[in-house]
Amino acid sequence: MELNPVDDASPPAAQARPKTGAVVGALAGAALIASYLFAYCLINALVAAEVISRWQPNHDPRPRFFVGAFVTMLGLFSGFAFLARTMSRRQMTKIDEMESD
């Protein structure tokens, strides 16, 4: 008896869509990590290399850079998601129109 791998293969499982909360959380986490690296690690390295001068006591600009970078990245991620969703919706509409013709 000869075994055919196609006959033995089980049907592919339906792929579940990722949950919106998990995706937003992952993007927010990525923005948080990247903004921390920019605001604290990069700025500290630039100060240590004497590329920029040290700031006055009680005038640390790093928290402002951190929040600004986080908000900017989150906005860019949201804009990209909106653009991708809009383009996908348009393409699906075109496909549906082709199917109905």
N, C-alpha and C. Protein backbone atom coordinates (compact mmCIF):
# COMPACT_ATOMS: atom_id res chain seq x y z
N MET A 1 0.85 -1.17 0.00
CA MET A 1 0.00 0.00 0.00
C MET A 1 0.90 1.24 0.00
N GLU A 2 0.62 2.12 -0.90
CA GLU A 2 1.42 3.32 -1.06
C GLU A 2 0.73 4.49 -0.36
N LEU A 3 1.48 5.23 0.40
CA LEU A 3 0.92 6.37 1.11
C LEU A 3 1.14 7.64 0.29
N ASN A 4 0.09 8.36 0.14
CA ASN A 4 0.15 9.64 -0.57
C ASN A 4 0.11 10.74 0.48
N PRO A 5 1.13 11.60 0.54
CA PRO A 5 1.14 12.63 1.58
C PRO A 5 -0.02 13.60 1.46
N VAL A 6 -0.56 13.77 0.27
CA VAL A 6 -1.68 14.69 0.10
C VAL A 6 -2.93 14.10 0.74
N ASP A 7 -3.12 12.79 0.63
CA ASP A 7 -4.29 12.15 1.22
C ASP A 7 -4.23 12.16 2.75
N ASP A 8 -3.03 12.06 3.30
CA ASP A 8 -2.88 12.01 4.74
C ASP A 8 -2.90 13.38 5.41
N ALA A 9 -2.78 14.41 4.62
CA ALA A 9 -2.71 15.76 5.20
C ALA A 9 -4.08 16.16 5.73
N SER A 10 -4.06 16.73 6.91
CA SER A 10 -5.31 17.21 7.48
C SER A 10 -5.62 18.58 6.89
N PRO A 11 -6.90 18.95 6.87
CA PRO A 11 -7.24 20.26 6.30
C PRO A 11 -6.62 21.37 7.15
N PRO A 12 -6.19 22.46 6.50
CA PRO A 12 -5.56 23.54 7.27
C PRO A 12 -6.55 24.18 8.22
N ALA A 13 -6.07 24.48 9.39
CA ALA A 13 -6.92 25.13 10.39
C ALA A 13 -7.14 26.59 9.99
N ALA A 14 -8.33 27.07 10.26
CA ALA A 14 -8.63 28.47 9.96
C ALA A 14 -7.77 29.36 10.85
N GLN A 15 -7.14 30.34 10.24
CA GLN A 15 -6.28 31.23 11.01
C GLN A 15 -7.13 32.27 11.71
N ALA A 16 -6.94 32.36 13.00
CA ALA A 16 -7.69 33.34 13.78
C ALA A 16 -7.03 34.71 13.62
N ARG A 17 -7.86 35.73 13.54
CA ARG A 17 -7.34 37.09 13.44
C ARG A 17 -6.77 37.50 14.79
N PRO A 18 -5.69 38.25 14.77
CA PRO A 18 -5.14 38.70 16.06
C PRO A 18 -6.10 39.67 16.73
N LYS A 19 -6.12 39.64 18.03
CA LYS A 19 -7.01 40.52 18.78
C LYS A 19 -6.47 41.95 18.74
N THR A 20 -7.38 42.89 18.60
CA THR A 20 -7.00 44.29 18.46
C THR A 20 -6.22 44.78 19.67
N GLY A 21 -6.66 44.40 20.85
CA GLY A 21 -5.98 44.82 22.07
C GLY A 21 -4.55 44.33 22.13
N ALA A 22 -4.32 43.10 21.68
CA ALA A 22 -2.97 42.55 21.69
C ALA A 22 -2.07 43.28 20.71
N VAL A 23 -2.60 43.62 19.54
CA VAL A 23 -1.82 44.34 18.54
C VAL A 23 -1.50 45.75 19.02
N VAL A 24 -2.49 46.44 19.56
CA VAL A 24 -2.26 47.80 20.07
C VAL A 24 -1.27 47.77 21.23
N GLY A 25 -1.39 46.77 22.09
CA GLY A 25 -0.45 46.63 23.20
C GLY A 25 0.98 46.37 22.73
N ALA A 26 1.12 45.54 21.70
CA ALA A 26 2.46 45.27 21.16
C ALA A 26 3.06 46.52 20.53
N LEU A 27 2.25 47.27 19.79
CA LEU A 27 2.76 48.50 19.18
C LEU A 27 3.09 49.55 20.24
N ALA A 28 2.26 49.66 21.27
CA ALA A 28 2.55 50.60 22.35
C ALA A 28 3.82 50.18 23.10
N GLY A 29 4.00 48.90 23.30
CA GLY A 29 5.22 48.41 23.94
C GLY A 29 6.46 48.70 23.11
N ALA A 30 6.35 48.50 21.80
CA ALA A 30 7.48 48.81 20.92
C ALA A 30 7.80 50.30 20.94
N ALA A 31 6.76 51.13 20.92
CA ALA A 31 6.97 52.58 20.98
C ALA A 31 7.58 52.98 22.31
N LEU A 32 7.16 52.33 23.38
CA LEU A 32 7.69 52.63 24.71
C LEU A 32 9.18 52.28 24.80
N ILE A 33 9.54 51.11 24.31
CA ILE A 33 10.94 50.68 24.36
C ILE A 33 11.82 51.58 23.49
N ALA A 34 11.37 51.85 22.27
CA ALA A 34 12.17 52.68 21.36
C ALA A 34 12.31 54.10 21.88
N SER A 35 11.25 54.66 22.45
CA SER A 35 11.35 56.02 22.97
C SER A 35 12.24 56.07 24.21
N TYR A 36 12.23 55.03 25.03
CA TYR A 36 13.15 54.98 26.18
C TYR A 36 14.60 54.93 25.70
N LEU A 37 14.85 54.07 24.70
CA LEU A 37 16.22 53.98 24.18
C LEU A 37 16.68 55.31 23.61
N PHE A 38 15.80 56.01 22.92
CA PHE A 38 16.15 57.32 22.37
C PHE A 38 16.38 58.33 23.48
N ALA A 39 15.42 58.44 24.38
CA ALA A 39 15.44 59.53 25.36
C ALA A 39 16.52 59.36 26.42
N TYR A 40 16.75 58.15 26.85
CA TYR A 40 17.69 57.97 27.95
C TYR A 40 19.03 57.39 27.48
N CYS A 41 19.01 56.29 26.78
CA CYS A 41 20.27 55.64 26.41
C CYS A 41 21.06 56.47 25.40
N LEU A 42 20.41 56.93 24.35
CA LEU A 42 21.11 57.71 23.33
C LEU A 42 21.60 59.04 23.89
N ILE A 43 20.75 59.72 24.64
CA ILE A 43 21.14 61.01 25.22
C ILE A 43 22.29 60.83 26.21
N ASN A 44 22.25 59.79 27.04
CA ASN A 44 23.35 59.53 27.97
C ASN A 44 24.65 59.23 27.22
N ALA A 45 24.56 58.48 26.12
CA ALA A 45 25.76 58.19 25.34
C ALA A 45 26.32 59.47 24.71
N LEU A 46 25.45 60.35 24.24
CA LEU A 46 25.92 61.61 23.66
C LEU A 46 26.57 62.50 24.71
N VAL A 47 26.03 62.51 25.91
CA VAL A 47 26.63 63.30 27.00
C VAL A 47 27.98 62.70 27.39
N ALA A 48 28.05 61.37 27.48
CA ALA A 48 29.31 60.71 27.85
C ALA A 48 30.39 60.95 26.80
N ALA A 49 30.01 61.03 25.53
CA ALA A 49 30.97 61.29 24.46
C ALA A 49 31.25 62.77 24.29
N GLU A 50 30.62 63.58 25.11
CA GLU A 50 30.76 65.03 25.09
C GLU A 50 30.36 65.64 23.75
N VAL A 51 29.38 65.02 23.11
CA VAL A 51 28.81 65.58 21.88
C VAL A 51 27.83 66.69 22.24
N ILE A 52 27.08 66.48 23.31
CA ILE A 52 26.20 67.53 23.83
C ILE A 52 26.62 67.80 25.27
N SER A 53 26.32 69.00 25.74
CA SER A 53 26.72 69.36 27.10
C SER A 53 25.67 68.89 28.10
N ARG A 54 26.12 68.69 29.33
CA ARG A 54 25.21 68.28 30.39
C ARG A 54 24.30 69.44 30.74
N TRP A 55 23.07 69.14 31.07
CA TRP A 55 22.07 70.15 31.40
C TRP A 55 22.21 70.58 32.85
N GLN A 56 21.55 71.67 33.17
CA GLN A 56 21.57 72.21 34.53
C GLN A 56 20.76 71.28 35.46
N PRO A 57 21.10 71.23 36.74
CA PRO A 57 20.30 70.43 37.67
C PRO A 57 18.84 70.89 37.67
N ASN A 58 17.94 69.95 37.81
CA ASN A 58 16.48 70.17 37.81
C ASN A 58 15.95 70.64 36.46
N HIS A 59 16.72 70.52 35.39
CA HIS A 59 16.25 70.86 34.04
C HIS A 59 16.53 69.71 33.08
N ASP A 60 16.27 68.50 33.52
CA ASP A 60 16.55 67.31 32.72
C ASP A 60 15.57 67.24 31.55
N PRO A 61 16.05 67.27 30.29
CA PRO A 61 15.14 67.25 29.14
C PRO A 61 14.70 65.84 28.74
N ARG A 62 15.27 64.81 29.35
CA ARG A 62 14.99 63.45 28.90
C ARG A 62 13.54 63.02 29.08
N PRO A 63 12.84 63.34 30.16
CA PRO A 63 11.42 62.95 30.23
C PRO A 63 10.57 63.58 29.12
N ARG A 64 10.88 64.82 28.77
CA ARG A 64 10.15 65.49 27.69
C ARG A 64 10.43 64.79 26.36
N PHE A 65 11.71 64.43 26.12
CA PHE A 65 12.06 63.69 24.90
C PHE A 65 11.36 62.33 24.88
N PHE A 66 11.31 61.68 26.04
CA PHE A 66 10.67 60.37 26.14
C PHE A 66 9.19 60.44 25.76
N VAL A 67 8.47 61.38 26.35
CA VAL A 67 7.04 61.51 26.06
C VAL A 67 6.82 61.93 24.62
N GLY A 68 7.62 62.86 24.13
CA GLY A 68 7.49 63.31 22.75
C GLY A 68 7.74 62.19 21.75
N ALA A 69 8.78 61.41 21.98
CA ALA A 69 9.08 60.29 21.08
C ALA A 69 7.98 59.23 21.14
N PHE A 70 7.47 58.96 22.34
CA PHE A 70 6.41 57.96 22.49
C PHE A 70 5.15 58.38 21.75
N VAL A 71 4.73 59.62 21.94
CA VAL A 71 3.52 60.11 21.28
C VAL A 71 3.71 60.14 19.76
N THR A 72 4.88 60.56 19.31
CA THR A 72 5.15 60.60 17.87
C THR A 72 5.10 59.21 17.26
N MET A 73 5.76 58.25 17.89
CA MET A 73 5.77 56.88 17.35
C MET A 73 4.38 56.26 17.37
N LEU A 74 3.64 56.49 18.45
CA LEU A 74 2.29 55.95 18.52
C LEU A 74 1.42 56.57 17.43
N GLY A 75 1.59 57.86 17.17
CA GLY A 75 0.86 58.52 16.09
C GLY A 75 1.24 57.97 14.72
N LEU A 76 2.53 57.72 14.51
CA LEU A 76 2.97 57.14 13.24
C LEU A 76 2.41 55.73 13.05
N PHE A 77 2.45 54.93 14.11
CA PHE A 77 1.89 53.58 14.03
C PHE A 77 0.39 53.63 13.71
N SER A 78 -0.32 54.54 14.36
CA SER A 78 -1.76 54.66 14.13
C SER A 78 -2.04 55.13 12.71
N GLY A 79 -1.27 56.08 12.22
CA GLY A 79 -1.45 56.56 10.85
C GLY A 79 -1.17 55.47 9.83
N PHE A 80 -0.12 54.69 10.06
CA PHE A 80 0.18 53.58 9.17
C PHE A 80 -0.93 52.53 9.20
N ALA A 81 -1.46 52.23 10.38
CA ALA A 81 -2.55 51.26 10.49
C ALA A 81 -3.79 51.75 9.77
N PHE A 82 -4.11 53.04 9.90
CA PHE A 82 -5.26 53.61 9.21
C PHE A 82 -5.07 53.52 7.70
N LEU A 83 -3.88 53.85 7.23
CA LEU A 83 -3.59 53.79 5.79
C LEU A 83 -3.69 52.35 5.27
N ALA A 84 -3.13 51.41 5.99
CA ALA A 84 -3.18 50.01 5.57
C ALA A 84 -4.62 49.49 5.56
N ARG A 85 -5.39 49.85 6.56
CA ARG A 85 -6.78 49.39 6.63
C ARG A 85 -7.62 49.99 5.50
N THR A 86 -7.40 51.28 5.21
CA THR A 86 -8.13 51.93 4.13
C THR A 86 -7.79 51.31 2.78
N MET A 87 -6.50 51.07 2.54
CA MET A 87 -6.10 50.46 1.28
C MET A 87 -6.65 49.05 1.15
N SER A 88 -6.64 48.30 2.23
CA SER A 88 -7.17 46.94 2.21
C SER A 88 -8.66 46.95 1.92
N ARG A 89 -9.38 47.87 2.54
CA ARG A 89 -10.82 47.95 2.31
C ARG A 89 -11.12 48.29 0.85
N ARG A 90 -10.35 49.20 0.26
CA ARG A 90 -10.55 49.56 -1.15
C ARG A 90 -10.28 48.37 -2.06
N GLN A 91 -9.21 47.64 -1.78
CA GLN A 91 -8.89 46.48 -2.61
C GLN A 91 -9.97 45.41 -2.49
N MET A 92 -10.47 45.19 -1.29
CA MET A 92 -11.53 44.19 -1.12
C MET A 92 -12.80 44.62 -1.84
N THR A 93 -13.10 45.91 -1.85
CA THR A 93 -14.26 46.41 -2.57
C THR A 93 -14.09 46.18 -4.07
N LYS A 94 -12.89 46.43 -4.60
CA LYS A 94 -12.63 46.20 -6.02
C LYS A 94 -12.77 44.72 -6.36
N ILE A 95 -12.28 43.86 -5.50
CA ILE A 95 -12.38 42.42 -5.74
C ILE A 95 -13.84 41.99 -5.73
N ASP A 96 -14.62 42.50 -4.79
CA ASP A 96 -16.04 42.17 -4.74
C ASP A 96 -16.77 42.66 -5.98
N GLU A 97 -16.41 43.84 -6.49
CA GLU A 97 -17.03 44.36 -7.71
C GLU A 97 -16.68 43.50 -8.90
N MET A 98 -15.45 43.02 -8.98
CA MET A 98 -15.04 42.14 -10.08
C MET A 98 -15.80 40.83 -10.02
N GLU A 99 -16.03 40.34 -8.83
CA GLU A 99 -16.72 39.07 -8.64
C GLU A 99 -18.19 39.18 -9.04
N SER A 100 -18.80 40.33 -8.78
CA SER A 100 -20.22 40.49 -9.08
C SER A 100 -20.48 40.75 -10.56
N ASP A 101 -19.45 41.16 -11.30
CA ASP A 101 -19.64 41.41 -12.74
C ASP A 101 -19.74 40.16 -13.54
